Amino acid sequence: MDRLEHMLSIQQALNDTIKDKRGLHGLDPMEWMQKYTLAMLSELAEMLDEVNFKWWKNKKPVDEQALKEELVDILHFFLSMCLAAGLDAEEMHRIYLRKNAENIARQEGRSDKPGYA
């Protein structure tokens, strides 16, 4: 089992535990997608607080450990969204490679999509 497969597996176990403990088994995958998206937005806002995005305030030293932990919190919800969509590590890798090649082609002007070259 590779690392991504392992993270998806333990995320599924955590999600199942939360659903059992809180009686949340009646929701369909797209309802979970909405909930995970909102939770991720909340974590993204917490991450922003760690990187001095408020230009109207005095800067503070960036707590790199706190920043990393917020990024991992975001990853938890991203993995949950992947699971809700039925996306496994193999398919994610395959789609990522295709989209990455497409993005490179766009940056190199080899795309029919306007606005890149």
PDB file of N, CA and C in Angstrom:
ATOM      1  N   MET A   1       0.850  -1.179   0.000  1.00  0.00           N
ATOM      2  CA  MET A   1       0.000   0.000   0.000  1.00  0.00           C
ATOM      3  C   MET A   1       0.892   1.237   0.000  1.00  0.00           C
ATOM      4  N   ASP A   2       0.666   2.131  -0.961  1.00  0.00           N
ATOM      5  CA  ASP A   2       1.475   3.347  -0.993  1.00  0.00           C
ATOM      6  C   ASP A   2       0.913   4.373  -0.004  1.00  0.00           C
ATOM      7  N   ARG A   3       1.587   5.488   0.120  1.00  0.00           N
ATOM      8  CA  ARG A   3       1.209   6.483   1.125  1.00  0.00           C
ATOM      9  C   ARG A   3      -0.166   7.079   0.861  1.00  0.00           C
ATOM     10  N   LEU A   4      -0.460   7.389  -0.394  1.00  0.00           N
ATOM     11  CA  LEU A   4      -1.771   7.955  -0.698  1.00  0.00           C
ATOM     12  C   LEU A   4      -2.875   6.949  -0.397  1.00  0.00           C
ATOM     13  N   GLU A   5      -2.678   5.700  -0.791  1.00  0.00           N
ATOM     14  CA  GLU A   5      -3.665   4.665  -0.470  1.00  0.00           C
ATOM     15  C   GLU A   5      -3.848   4.550   1.037  1.00  0.00           C
ATOM     16  N   HIS A   6      -2.741   4.624   1.777  1.00  0.00           N
ATOM     17  CA  HIS A   6      -2.808   4.536   3.231  1.00  0.00           C
ATOM     18  C   HIS A   6      -3.595   5.708   3.810  1.00  0.00           C
ATOM     19  N   MET A   7      -3.321   6.921   3.328  1.00  0.00           N
ATOM     20  CA  MET A   7      -4.043   8.091   3.832  1.00  0.00           C
ATOM     21  C   MET A   7      -5.535   7.984   3.521  1.00  0.00           C
ATOM     22  N   LEU A   8      -5.885   7.528   2.315  1.00  0.00           N
ATOM     23  CA  LEU A   8      -7.297   7.353   1.981  1.00  0.00           C
ATOM     24  C   LEU A   8      -7.944   6.308   2.886  1.00  0.00           C
ATOM     25  N   SER A   9      -7.226   5.238   3.173  1.00  0.00           N
ATOM     26  CA  SER A   9      -7.756   4.176   4.019  1.00  0.00           C
ATOM     27  C   SER A   9      -8.018   4.660   5.443  1.00  0.00           C
ATOM     28  N   ILE A  10      -7.056   5.355   6.024  1.00  0.00           N
ATOM     29  CA  ILE A  10      -7.262   5.809   7.406  1.00  0.00           C
ATOM     30  C   ILE A  10      -8.249   6.976   7.464  1.00  0.00           C
ATOM     31  N   GLN A  11      -8.356   7.753   6.375  1.00  0.00           N
ATOM     32  CA  GLN A  11      -9.376   8.800   6.340  1.00  0.00           C
ATOM     33  C   GLN A  11     -10.763   8.178   6.303  1.00  0.00           C
ATOM     34  N   GLN A  12     -10.917   7.102   5.507  1.00  0.00           N
ATOM     35  CA  GLN A  12     -12.208   6.411   5.459  1.00  0.00           C
ATOM     36  C   GLN A  12     -12.572   5.872   6.840  1.00  0.00           C
ATOM     37  N   ALA A  13     -11.586   5.320   7.547  1.00  0.00           N
ATOM     38  CA  ALA A  13     -11.841   4.802   8.892  1.00  0.00           C
ATOM     39  C   ALA A  13     -12.275   5.926   9.832  1.00  0.00           C
ATOM     40  N   LEU A  14     -11.617   7.077   9.753  1.00  0.00           N
ATOM     41  CA  LEU A  14     -12.002   8.215  10.589  1.00  0.00           C
ATOM     42  C   LEU A  14     -13.415   8.680  10.238  1.00  0.00           C
ATOM     43  N   ASN A  15     -13.703   8.800   8.942  1.00  0.00           N
ATOM     44  CA  ASN A  15     -15.041   9.220   8.522  1.00  0.00           C
ATOM     45  C   ASN A  15     -16.104   8.258   9.037  1.00  0.00           C
ATOM     46  N   ASP A  16     -15.841   6.956   8.937  1.00  0.00           N
ATOM     47  CA  ASP A  16     -16.795   5.954   9.417  1.00  0.00           C
ATOM     48  C   ASP A  16     -17.012   6.081  10.919  1.00  0.00           C
ATOM     49  N   THR A  17     -15.936   6.310  11.665  1.00  0.00           N
ATOM     50  CA  THR A  17     -16.038   6.485  13.114  1.00  0.00           C
ATOM     51  C   THR A  17     -16.898   7.695  13.450  1.00  0.00           C
ATOM     52  N   ILE A  18     -16.669   8.802  12.757  1.00  0.00           N
ATOM     53  CA  ILE A  18     -17.446  10.022  13.001  1.00  0.00           C
ATOM     54  C   ILE A  18     -18.918   9.791  12.663  1.00  0.00           C
ATOM     55  N   LYS A  19     -19.184   9.127  11.542  1.00  0.00           N
ATOM     56  CA  LYS A  19     -20.572   8.846  11.152  1.00  0.00           C
ATOM     57  C   LYS A  19     -21.260   7.963  12.190  1.00  0.00           C
ATOM     58  N   ASP A  20     -20.553   6.935  12.683  1.00  0.00           N
ATOM     59  CA  ASP A  20     -21.112   6.053  13.707  1.00  0.00           C
ATOM     60  C   ASP A  20     -21.376   6.816  14.997  1.00  0.00           C
ATOM     61  N   LYS A  21     -20.387   7.548  15.456  1.00  0.00           N
ATOM     62  CA  LYS A  21     -20.473   8.239  16.746  1.00  0.00           C
ATOM     63  C   LYS A  21     -21.551   9.319  16.735  1.00  0.00           C
ATOM     64  N   ARG A  22     -21.746   9.971  15.588  1.00  0.00           N
ATOM     65  CA  ARG A  22     -22.666  11.109  15.511  1.00  0.00           C
ATOM     66  C   ARG A  22     -23.975  10.786  14.780  1.00  0.00           C
ATOM     67  N   GLY A  23     -24.161   9.515  14.414  1.00  0.00           N
ATOM     68  CA  GLY A  23     -25.403   9.102  13.765  1.00  0.00           C
ATOM     69  C   GLY A  23     -25.651   9.798  12.435  1.00  0.00           C
ATOM     70  N   LEU A  24     -24.643   9.819  11.590  1.00  0.00           N
ATOM     71  CA  LEU A  24     -24.711  10.563  10.332  1.00  0.00           C
ATOM     72  C   LEU A  24     -24.722   9.660   9.102  1.00  0.00           C
ATOM     73  N   HIS A  25     -25.331   8.510   9.189  1.00  0.00           N
ATOM     74  CA  HIS A  25     -25.297   7.573   8.064  1.00  0.00           C
ATOM     75  C   HIS A  25     -26.342   7.836   6.989  1.00  0.00           C
ATOM     76  N   GLY A  26     -27.290   8.730   7.214  1.00  0.00           N
ATOM     77  CA  GLY A  26     -28.359   8.936   6.241  1.00  0.00           C
ATOM     78  C   GLY A  26     -28.037   9.897   5.109  1.00  0.00           C
ATOM     79  N   LEU A  27     -26.846  10.474   5.109  1.00  0.00           N
ATOM     80  CA  LEU A  27     -26.504  11.468   4.091  1.00  0.00           C
ATOM     81  C   LEU A  27     -25.955  10.801   2.836  1.00  0.00           C
ATOM     82  N   ASP A  28     -26.321  11.352   1.673  1.00  0.00           N
ATOM     83  CA  ASP A  28     -25.787  10.794   0.433  1.00  0.00           C
ATOM     84  C   ASP A  28     -24.423  11.425   0.124  1.00  0.00           C
ATOM     85  N   PRO A  29     -23.666  10.832  -0.796  1.00  0.00           N
ATOM     86  CA  PRO A  29     -22.303  11.315  -1.068  1.00  0.00           C
ATOM     87  C   PRO A  29     -22.224  12.795  -1.446  1.00  0.00           C
ATOM     88  N   MET A  30     -23.217  13.318  -2.162  1.00  0.00           N
ATOM     89  CA  MET A  30     -23.146  14.729  -2.558  1.00  0.00           C
ATOM     90  C   MET A  30     -23.441  15.656  -1.385  1.00  0.00           C
ATOM     91  N   GLU A  31     -24.243  15.196  -0.425  1.00  0.00           N
ATOM     92  CA  GLU A  31     -24.416  15.974   0.807  1.00  0.00           C
ATOM     93  C   GLU A  31     -23.094  16.023   1.570  1.00  0.00           C
ATOM     94  N   TRP A  32     -22.390  14.891   1.594  1.00  0.00           N
ATOM     95  CA  TRP A  32     -21.071  14.880   2.229  1.00  0.00           C
ATOM     96  C   TRP A  32     -20.107  15.783   1.480  1.00  0.00           C
ATOM     97  N   MET A  33     -20.183  15.803   0.158  1.00  0.00           N
ATOM     98  CA  MET A  33     -19.312  16.671  -0.634  1.00  0.00           C
ATOM     99  C   MET A  33     -19.518  18.128  -0.219  1.00  0.00           C
ATOM    100  N   GLN A  34     -20.774  18.523  -0.036  1.00  0.00           N
ATOM    101  CA  GLN A  34     -21.061  19.888   0.406  1.00  0.00           C
ATOM    102  C   GLN A  34     -20.476  20.150   1.788  1.00  0.00           C
ATOM    103  N   LYS A  35     -20.680  19.210   2.702  1.00  0.00           N
ATOM    104  CA  LYS A  35     -20.165  19.385   4.065  1.00  0.00           C
ATOM    105  C   LYS A  35     -18.636  19.448   4.078  1.00  0.00           C
ATOM    106  N   TYR A  36     -18.002  18.563   3.335  1.00  0.00           N
ATOM    107  CA  TYR A  36     -16.537  18.566   3.291  1.00  0.00           C
ATOM    108  C   TYR A  36     -16.003  19.844   2.647  1.00  0.00           C
ATOM    109  N   THR A  37     -16.713  20.357   1.640  1.00  0.00           N
ATOM    110  CA  THR A  37     -16.283  21.602   0.999  1.00  0.00           C
ATOM    111  C   THR A  37     -16.356  22.758   1.987  1.00  0.00           C
ATOM    112  N   LEU A  38     -17.444  22.858   2.725  1.00  0.00           N
ATOM    113  CA  LEU A  38     -17.569  23.923   3.724  1.00  0.00           C
ATOM    114  C   LEU A  38     -16.507  23.786   4.810  1.00  0.00           C
ATOM    115  N   ALA A  39     -16.261  22.564   5.240  1.00  0.00           N
ATOM    116  CA  ALA A  39     -15.229  22.343   6.256  1.00  0.00           C
ATOM    117  C   ALA A  39     -13.858  22.733   5.717  1.00  0.00           C
ATOM    118  N   MET A  40     -13.601  22.405   4.448  1.00  0.00           N
ATOM    119  CA  MET A  40     -12.318  22.764   3.850  1.00  0.00           C
ATOM    120  C   MET A  40     -12.177  24.282   3.754  1.00  0.00           C
ATOM    121  N   LEU A  41     -13.251  24.971   3.396  1.00  0.00           N
ATOM    122  CA  LEU A  41     -13.202  26.436   3.343  1.00  0.00           C
ATOM    123  C   LEU A  41     -12.861  27.024   4.707  1.00  0.00           C
ATOM    124  N   SER A  42     -13.413  26.443   5.755  1.00  0.00           N
ATOM    125  CA  SER A  42     -13.098  26.892   7.108  1.00  0.00           C
ATOM    126  C   SER A  42     -11.617  26.688   7.418  1.00  0.00           C
ATOM    127  N   GLU A  43     -11.094  25.535   7.035  1.00  0.00           N
ATOM    128  CA  GLU A  43      -9.669  25.256   7.260  1.00  0.00           C
ATOM    129  C   GLU A  43      -8.783  26.148   6.396  1.00  0.00           C
ATOM    130  N   LEU A  44      -9.219  26.459   5.174  1.00  0.00           N
ATOM    131  CA  LEU A  44      -8.458  27.381   4.324  1.00  0.00           C
ATOM    132  C   LEU A  44      -8.378  28.757   4.973  1.00  0.00           C
ATOM    133  N   ALA A  45      -9.471  29.196   5.591  1.00  0.00           N
ATOM    134  CA  ALA A  45      -9.456  30.484   6.290  1.00  0.00           C
ATOM    135  C   ALA A  45      -8.485  30.442   7.467  1.00  0.00           C
ATOM    136  N   GLU A  46      -8.447  29.335   8.186  1.00  0.00           N
ATOM    137  CA  GLU A  46      -7.494  29.200   9.288  1.00  0.00           C
ATOM    138  C   GLU A  46      -6.059  29.225   8.763  1.00  0.00           C
ATOM    139  N   MET A  47      -5.833  28.595   7.618  1.00  0.00           N
ATOM    140  CA  MET A  47      -4.503  28.609   7.017  1.00  0.00           C
ATOM    141  C   MET A  47      -4.106  30.026   6.629  1.00  0.00           C
ATOM    142  N   LEU A  48      -5.047  30.781   6.063  1.00  0.00           N
ATOM    143  CA  LEU A  48      -4.757  32.172   5.697  1.00  0.00           C
ATOM    144  C   LEU A  48      -4.321  32.993   6.903  1.00  0.00           C
ATOM    145  N   ASP A  49      -4.927  32.734   8.059  1.00  0.00           N
ATOM    146  CA  ASP A  49      -4.537  33.458   9.273  1.00  0.00           C
ATOM    147  C   ASP A  49      -3.083  33.196   9.649  1.00  0.00           C
ATOM    148  N   GLU A  50      -2.548  32.074   9.216  1.00  0.00           N
ATOM    149  CA  GLU A  50      -1.154  31.730   9.542  1.00  0.00           C
ATOM    150  C   GLU A  50      -0.140  32.403   8.620  1.00  0.00           C
ATOM    151  N   VAL A  51      -0.580  32.979   7.497  1.00  0.00           N
ATOM    152  CA  VAL A  51       0.380  33.504   6.514  1.00  0.00           C
ATOM    153  C   VAL A  51       0.267  35.012   6.280  1.00  0.00           C
ATOM    154  N   ASN A  52      -0.253  35.722   7.265  1.00  0.00           N
ATOM    155  CA  ASN A  52      -0.271  37.189   7.221  1.00  0.00           C
ATOM    156  C   ASN A  52      -0.966  37.759   5.992  1.00  0.00           C
ATOM    157  N   PHE A  53      -2.143  37.261   5.659  1.00  0.00           N
ATOM    158  CA  PHE A  53      -2.834  37.795   4.482  1.00  0.00           C
ATOM    159  C   PHE A  53      -3.472  39.152   4.757  1.00  0.00           C
ATOM    160  N   LYS A  54      -3.621  39.511   6.018  1.00  0.00           N
ATOM    161  CA  LYS A  54      -4.284  40.777   6.367  1.00  0.00           C
ATOM    162  C   LYS A  54      -3.298  41.930   6.223  1.00  0.00           C
ATOM    163  N   TRP A  55      -3.327  42.561   5.058  1.00  0.00           N
ATOM    164  CA  TRP A  55      -2.387  43.640   4.760  1.00  0.00           C
ATOM    165  C   TRP A  55      -2.621  44.858   5.643  1.00  0.00           C
ATOM    166  N   TRP A  56      -3.776  44.939   6.292  1.00  0.00           N
ATOM    167  CA  TRP A  56      -4.107  46.082   7.127  1.00  0.00           C
ATOM    168  C   TRP A  56      -3.613  45.922   8.568  1.00  0.00           C
ATOM    169  N   LYS A  57      -2.964  44.784   8.852  1.00  0.00           N
ATOM    170  CA  LYS A  57      -2.433  44.536  10.194  1.00  0.00           C
ATOM    171  C   LYS A  57      -0.919  44.398  10.143  1.00  0.00           C
ATOM    172  N   ASN A  58      -0.293  44.591  11.294  1.00  0.00           N
ATOM    173  CA  ASN A  58       1.150  44.367  11.399  1.00  0.00           C
ATOM    174  C   ASN A  58       1.428  42.879  11.214  1.00  0.00           C
ATOM    175  N   LYS A  59       2.501  42.591  10.496  1.00  0.00           N
ATOM    176  CA  LYS A  59       2.877  41.192  10.275  1.00  0.00           C
ATOM    177  C   LYS A  59       3.384  40.575  11.568  1.00  0.00           C
ATOM    178  N   LYS A  60       3.137  39.291  11.690  1.00  0.00           N
ATOM    179  CA  LYS A  60       3.654  38.511  12.814  1.00  0.00           C
ATOM    180  C   LYS A  60       4.522  37.406  12.231  1.00  0.00           C
ATOM    181  N   PRO A  61       5.414  36.853  13.024  1.00  0.00           N
ATOM    182  CA  PRO A  61       6.211  35.731  12.515  1.00  0.00           C
ATOM    183  C   PRO A  61       5.290  34.568  12.134  1.00  0.00           C
ATOM    184  N   VAL A  62       5.606  33.933  11.021  1.00  0.00           N
ATOM    185  CA  VAL A  62       4.811  32.787  10.577  1.00  0.00           C
ATOM    186  C   VAL A  62       5.206  31.571  11.406  1.00  0.00           C
ATOM    187  N   ASP A  63       4.215  30.946  12.005  1.00  0.00           N
ATOM    188  CA  ASP A  63       4.421  29.705  12.747  1.00  0.00           C
ATOM    189  C   ASP A  63       4.345  28.572  11.724  1.00  0.00           C
ATOM    190  N   GLU A  64       5.505  28.130  11.261  1.00  0.00           N
ATOM    191  CA  GLU A  64       5.536  27.144  10.175  1.00  0.00           C
ATOM    192  C   GLU A  64       4.885  25.822  10.561  1.00  0.00           C
ATOM    193  N   GLN A  65       5.005  25.421  11.815  1.00  0.00           N
ATOM    194  CA  GLN A  65       4.367  24.177  12.243  1.00  0.00           C
ATOM    195  C   GLN A  65       2.847  24.310  12.201  1.00  0.00           C
ATOM    196  N   ALA A  66       2.333  25.443  12.667  1.00  0.00           N
ATOM    197  CA  ALA A  66       0.882  25.668  12.620  1.00  0.00           C
ATOM    198  C   ALA A  66       0.396  25.708  11.171  1.00  0.00           C
ATOM    199  N   LEU A  67       1.170  26.329  10.289  1.00  0.00           N
ATOM    200  CA  LEU A  67       0.822  26.372   8.868  1.00  0.00           C
ATOM    201  C   LEU A  67       0.735  24.958   8.296  1.00  0.00           C
ATOM    202  N   LYS A  68       1.732  24.138   8.600  1.00  0.00           N
ATOM    203  CA  LYS A  68       1.736  22.759   8.101  1.00  0.00           C
ATOM    204  C   LYS A  68       0.537  21.973   8.627  1.00  0.00           C
ATOM    205  N   GLU A  69       0.186  22.192   9.889  1.00  0.00           N
ATOM    206  CA  GLU A  69      -0.957  21.486  10.462  1.00  0.00           C
ATOM    207  C   GLU A  69      -2.262  21.917   9.798  1.00  0.00           C
ATOM    208  N   GLU A  70      -2.389  23.204   9.485  1.00  0.00           N
ATOM    209  CA  GLU A  70      -3.586  23.665   8.769  1.00  0.00           C
ATOM    210  C   GLU A  70      -3.651  23.037   7.379  1.00  0.00           C
ATOM    211  N   LEU A  71      -2.520  22.937   6.706  1.00  0.00           N
ATOM    212  CA  LEU A  71      -2.499  22.298   5.387  1.00  0.00           C
ATOM    213  C   LEU A  71      -2.932  20.838   5.473  1.00  0.00           C
ATOM    214  N   VAL A  72      -2.514  20.151   6.528  1.00  0.00           N
ATOM    215  CA  VAL A  72      -2.923  18.754   6.701  1.00  0.00           C
ATOM    216  C   VAL A  72      -4.411  18.671   7.046  1.00  0.00           C
ATOM    217  N   ASP A  73      -4.930  19.644   7.812  1.00  0.00           N
ATOM    218  CA  ASP A  73      -6.376  19.677   8.058  1.00  0.00           C
ATOM    219  C   ASP A  73      -7.135  19.807   6.735  1.00  0.00           C
ATOM    220  N   ILE A  74      -6.637  20.657   5.847  1.00  0.00           N
ATOM    221  CA  ILE A  74      -7.238  20.817   4.520  1.00  0.00           C
ATOM    222  C   ILE A  74      -7.179  19.495   3.761  1.00  0.00           C
ATOM    223  N   LEU A  75      -6.040  18.815   3.852  1.00  0.00           N
ATOM    224  CA  LEU A  75      -5.875  17.527   3.177  1.00  0.00           C
ATOM    225  C   LEU A  75      -6.892  16.505   3.679  1.00  0.00           C
ATOM    226  N   HIS A  76      -7.165  16.494   4.987  1.00  0.00           N
ATOM    227  CA  HIS A  76      -8.172  15.575   5.525  1.00  0.00           C
ATOM    228  C   HIS A  76      -9.495  15.729   4.779  1.00  0.00           C
ATOM    229  N   PHE A  77      -9.931  16.961   4.606  1.00  0.00           N
ATOM    230  CA  PHE A  77     -11.218  17.176   3.945  1.00  0.00           C
ATOM    231  C   PHE A  77     -11.134  16.928   2.446  1.00  0.00           C
ATOM    232  N   PHE A  78      -9.993  17.209   1.836  1.00  0.00           N
ATOM    233  CA  PHE A  78      -9.819  16.883   0.415  1.00  0.00           C
ATOM    234  C   PHE A  78      -9.908  15.369   0.211  1.00  0.00           C
ATOM    235  N   LEU A  79      -9.238  14.607   1.066  1.00  0.00           N
ATOM    236  CA  LEU A  79      -9.309  13.148   0.960  1.00  0.00           C
ATOM    237  C   LEU A  79     -10.740  12.657   1.153  1.00  0.00           C
ATOM    238  N   SER A  80     -11.451  13.260   2.097  1.00  0.00           N
ATOM    239  CA  SER A  80     -12.849  12.886   2.315  1.00  0.00           C
ATOM    240  C   SER A  80     -13.690  13.175   1.079  1.00  0.00           C
ATOM    241  N   MET A  81     -13.423  14.293   0.405  1.00  0.00           N
ATOM    242  CA  MET A  81     -14.141  14.621  -0.825  1.00  0.00           C
ATOM    243  C   MET A  81     -13.830  13.602  -1.913  1.00  0.00           C
ATOM    244  N   CYS A  82     -12.578  13.197  -2.017  1.00  0.00           N
ATOM    245  CA  CYS A  82     -12.199  12.173  -3.001  1.00  0.00           C
ATOM    246  C   CYS A  82     -12.936  10.873  -2.724  1.00  0.00           C
ATOM    247  N   LEU A  83     -12.998  10.486  -1.458  1.00  0.00           N
ATOM    248  CA  LEU A  83     -13.705   9.262  -1.090  1.00  0.00           C
ATOM    249  C   LEU A  83     -15.192   9.371  -1.419  1.00  0.00           C
ATOM    250  N   ALA A  84     -15.797  10.516  -1.131  1.00  0.00           N
ATOM    251  CA  ALA A  84     -17.223  10.711  -1.420  1.00  0.00           C
ATOM    252  C   ALA A  84     -17.497  10.630  -2.918  1.00  0.00           C
ATOM    253  N   ALA A  85     -16.517  11.049  -3.721  1.00  0.00           N
ATOM    254  CA  ALA A  85     -16.662  11.001  -5.180  1.00  0.00           C
ATOM    255  C   ALA A  85     -16.310   9.633  -5.755  1.00  0.00           C
ATOM    256  N   GLY A  86     -15.860   8.707  -4.902  1.00  0.00           N
ATOM    257  CA  GLY A  86     -15.477   7.381  -5.378  1.00  0.00           C
ATOM    258  C   GLY A  86     -14.124   7.349  -6.057  1.00  0.00           C
ATOM    259  N   LEU A  87     -13.275   8.302  -5.727  1.00  0.00           N
ATOM    260  CA  LEU A  87     -11.962   8.434  -6.360  1.00  0.00           C
ATOM    261  C   LEU A  87     -10.917   7.708  -5.518  1.00  0.00           C
ATOM    262  N   ASP A  88     -10.290   6.680  -6.084  1.00  0.00           N
ATOM    263  CA  ASP A  88      -9.230   5.974  -5.367  1.00  0.00           C
ATOM    264  C   ASP A  88      -7.865   6.505  -5.803  1.00  0.00           C
ATOM    265  N   ALA A  89      -6.814   6.017  -5.168  1.00  0.00           N
ATOM    266  CA  ALA A  89      -5.460   6.524  -5.421  1.00  0.00           C
ATOM    267  C   ALA A  89      -5.043   6.309  -6.873  1.00  0.00           C
ATOM    268  N   GLU A  90      -5.372   5.166  -7.432  1.00  0.00           N
ATOM    269  CA  GLU A  90      -4.972   4.872  -8.811  1.00  0.00           C
ATOM    270  C   GLU A  90      -5.644   5.819  -9.803  1.00  0.00           C
ATOM    271  N   GLU A  91      -6.947   5.996  -9.650  1.00  0.00           N
ATOM    272  CA  GLU A  91      -7.665   6.894 -10.561  1.00  0.00           C
ATOM    273  C   GLU A  91      -7.215   8.343 -10.368  1.00  0.00           C
ATOM    274  N   MET A  92      -6.994   8.741  -9.114  1.00  0.00           N
ATOM    275  CA  MET A  92      -6.516  10.091  -8.842  1.00  0.00           C
ATOM    276  C   MET A  92      -5.181  10.337  -9.540  1.00  0.00           C
ATOM    277  N   HIS A  93      -4.289   9.370  -9.460  1.00  0.00           N
ATOM    278  CA  HIS A  93      -2.983   9.490 -10.099  1.00  0.00           C
ATOM    279  C   HIS A  93      -3.131   9.595 -11.616  1.00  0.00           C
ATOM    280  N   ARG A  94      -3.972   8.763 -12.176  1.00  0.00           N
ATOM    281  CA  ARG A  94      -4.188   8.769 -13.625  1.00  0.00           C
ATOM    282  C   ARG A  94      -4.763  10.115 -14.093  1.00  0.00           C
ATOM    283  N   ILE A  95      -5.765  10.626 -13.400  1.00  0.00           N
ATOM    284  CA  ILE A  95      -6.368  11.910 -13.770  1.00  0.00           C
ATOM    285  C   ILE A  95      -5.379  13.043 -13.555  1.00  0.00           C
ATOM    286  N   TYR A  96      -4.617  12.971 -12.465  1.00  0.00           N
ATOM    287  CA  TYR A  96      -3.614  14.002 -12.198  1.00  0.00           C
ATOM    288  C   TYR A  96      -2.595  14.079 -13.333  1.00  0.00           C
ATOM    289  N   LEU A  97      -2.098  12.934 -13.770  1.00  0.00           N
ATOM    290  CA  LEU A  97      -1.111  12.927 -14.854  1.00  0.00           C
ATOM    291  C   LEU A  97      -1.683  13.535 -16.130  1.00  0.00           C
ATOM    292  N   ARG A  98      -2.927  13.197 -16.451  1.00  0.00           N
ATOM    293  CA  ARG A  98      -3.564  13.742 -17.648  1.00  0.00           C
ATOM    294  C   ARG A  98      -3.750  15.251 -17.528  1.00  0.00           C
ATOM    295  N   LYS A  99      -4.261  15.705 -16.384  1.00  0.00           N
ATOM    296  CA  LYS A  99      -4.481  17.143 -16.186  1.00  0.00           C
ATOM    297  C   LYS A  99      -3.162  17.907 -16.122  1.00  0.00           C
ATOM    298  N   ASN A 100      -2.141  17.308 -15.542  1.00  0.00           N
ATOM    299  CA  ASN A 100      -0.835  17.961 -15.472  1.00  0.00           C
ATOM    300  C   ASN A 100      -0.254  18.150 -16.869  1.00  0.00           C
ATOM    301  N   ALA A 101      -0.360  17.128 -17.706  1.00  0.00           N
ATOM    302  CA  ALA A 101       0.121  17.242 -19.090  1.00  0.00           C
ATOM    303  C   ALA A 101      -0.659  18.320 -19.838  1.00  0.00           C
ATOM    304  N   GLU A 102      -1.957  18.383 -19.597  1.00  0.00           N
ATOM    305  CA  GLU A 102      -2.798  19.405 -20.224  1.00  0.00           C
ATOM    306  C   GLU A 102      -2.375  20.806 -19.766  1.00  0.00           C
ATOM    307  N   ASN A 103      -2.111  20.969 -18.482  1.00  0.00           N
ATOM    308  CA  ASN A 103      -1.688  22.274 -17.960  1.00  0.00           C
ATOM    309  C   ASN A 103      -0.335  22.693 -18.520  1.00  0.00           C
ATOM    310  N   ILE A 104       0.570  21.744 -18.669  1.00  0.00           N
ATOM    311  CA  ILE A 104       1.877  22.048 -19.270  1.00  0.00           C
ATOM    312  C   ILE A 104       1.682  22.478 -20.719  1.00  0.00           C
ATOM    313  N   ALA A 105       0.853  21.748 -21.453  1.00  0.00           N
ATOM    314  CA  ALA A 105       0.587  22.100 -22.856  1.00  0.00           C
ATOM    315  C   ALA A 105       0.005  23.506 -22.960  1.00  0.00           C
ATOM    316  N   ARG A 106      -0.873  23.858 -22.060  1.00  0.00           N
ATOM    317  CA  ARG A 106      -1.448  25.207 -22.070  1.00  0.00           C
ATOM    318  C   ARG A 106      -0.367  26.262 -21.859  1.00  0.00           C
ATOM    319  N   GLN A 107       0.520  26.024 -20.913  1.00  0.00           N
ATOM    320  CA  GLN A 107       1.575  26.992 -20.628  1.00  0.00           C
ATOM    321  C   GLN A 107       2.560  27.109 -21.781  1.00  0.00           C
ATOM    322  N   GLU A 108       2.688  26.056 -22.552  1.00  0.00           N
ATOM    323  CA  GLU A 108       3.596  26.059 -23.706  1.00  0.00           C
ATOM    324  C   GLU A 108       2.899  26.490 -24.993  1.00  0.00           C
ATOM    325  N   GLY A 109       1.653  26.913 -24.897  1.00  0.00           N
ATOM    326  CA  GLY A 109       0.921  27.374 -26.067  1.00  0.00           C
ATOM    327  C   GLY A 109       0.424  26.265 -26.969  1.00  0.00           C
ATOM    328  N   ARG A 110       0.350  25.048 -26.453  1.00  0.00           N
ATOM    329  CA  ARG A 110      -0.103  23.905 -27.249  1.00  0.00           C
ATOM    330  C   ARG A 110      -1.513  23.479 -26.845  1.00  0.00           C
ATOM    331  N   SER A 111      -2.393  24.461 -26.689  1.00  0.00           N
ATOM    332  CA  SER A 111      -3.759  24.160 -26.290  1.00  0.00           C
ATOM    333  C   SER A 111      -4.725  24.969 -27.133  1.00  0.00           C
ATOM    334  N   ASP A 112      -5.873  24.391 -27.398  1.00  0.00           N
ATOM    335  CA  ASP A 112      -6.913  25.118 -28.114  1.00  0.00           C
ATOM    336  C   ASP A 112      -7.657  26.074 -27.187  1.00  0.00           C
ATOM    337  N   LYS A 113      -7.476  25.907 -25.892  1.00  0.00           N
ATOM    338  CA  LYS A 113      -8.158  26.762 -24.932  1.00  0.00           C
ATOM    339  C   LYS A 113      -7.502  28.141 -24.930  1.00  0.00           C
ATOM    340  N   PRO A 114      -8.281  29.202 -25.108  1.00  0.00           N
ATOM    341  CA  PRO A 114      -7.686  30.547 -25.203  1.00  0.00           C
ATOM    342  C   PRO A 114      -7.192  31.079 -23.859  1.00  0.00           C
ATOM    343  N   GLY A 115      -6.235  32.002 -23.943  1.00  0.00           N
ATOM    344  CA  GLY A 115      -5.787  32.720 -22.765  1.00  0.00           C
ATOM    345  C   GLY A 115      -4.528  32.203 -22.106  1.00  0.00           C
ATOM    346  N   TYR A 116      -3.849  31.260 -22.713  1.00  0.00           N
ATOM    347  CA  TYR A 116      -2.675  30.678 -22.073  1.00  0.00           C
ATOM    348  C   TYR A 116      -1.364  31.033 -22.747  1.00  0.00           C
ATOM    349  N   ALA A 117      -1.336  31.226 -24.048  1.00  0.00           N
ATOM    350  CA  ALA A 117      -0.050  31.456 -24.711  1.00  0.00           C
ATOM    351  C   ALA A 117       0.069  32.877 -25.199  1.00  0.00           C
TER     352      ALA A 117
END
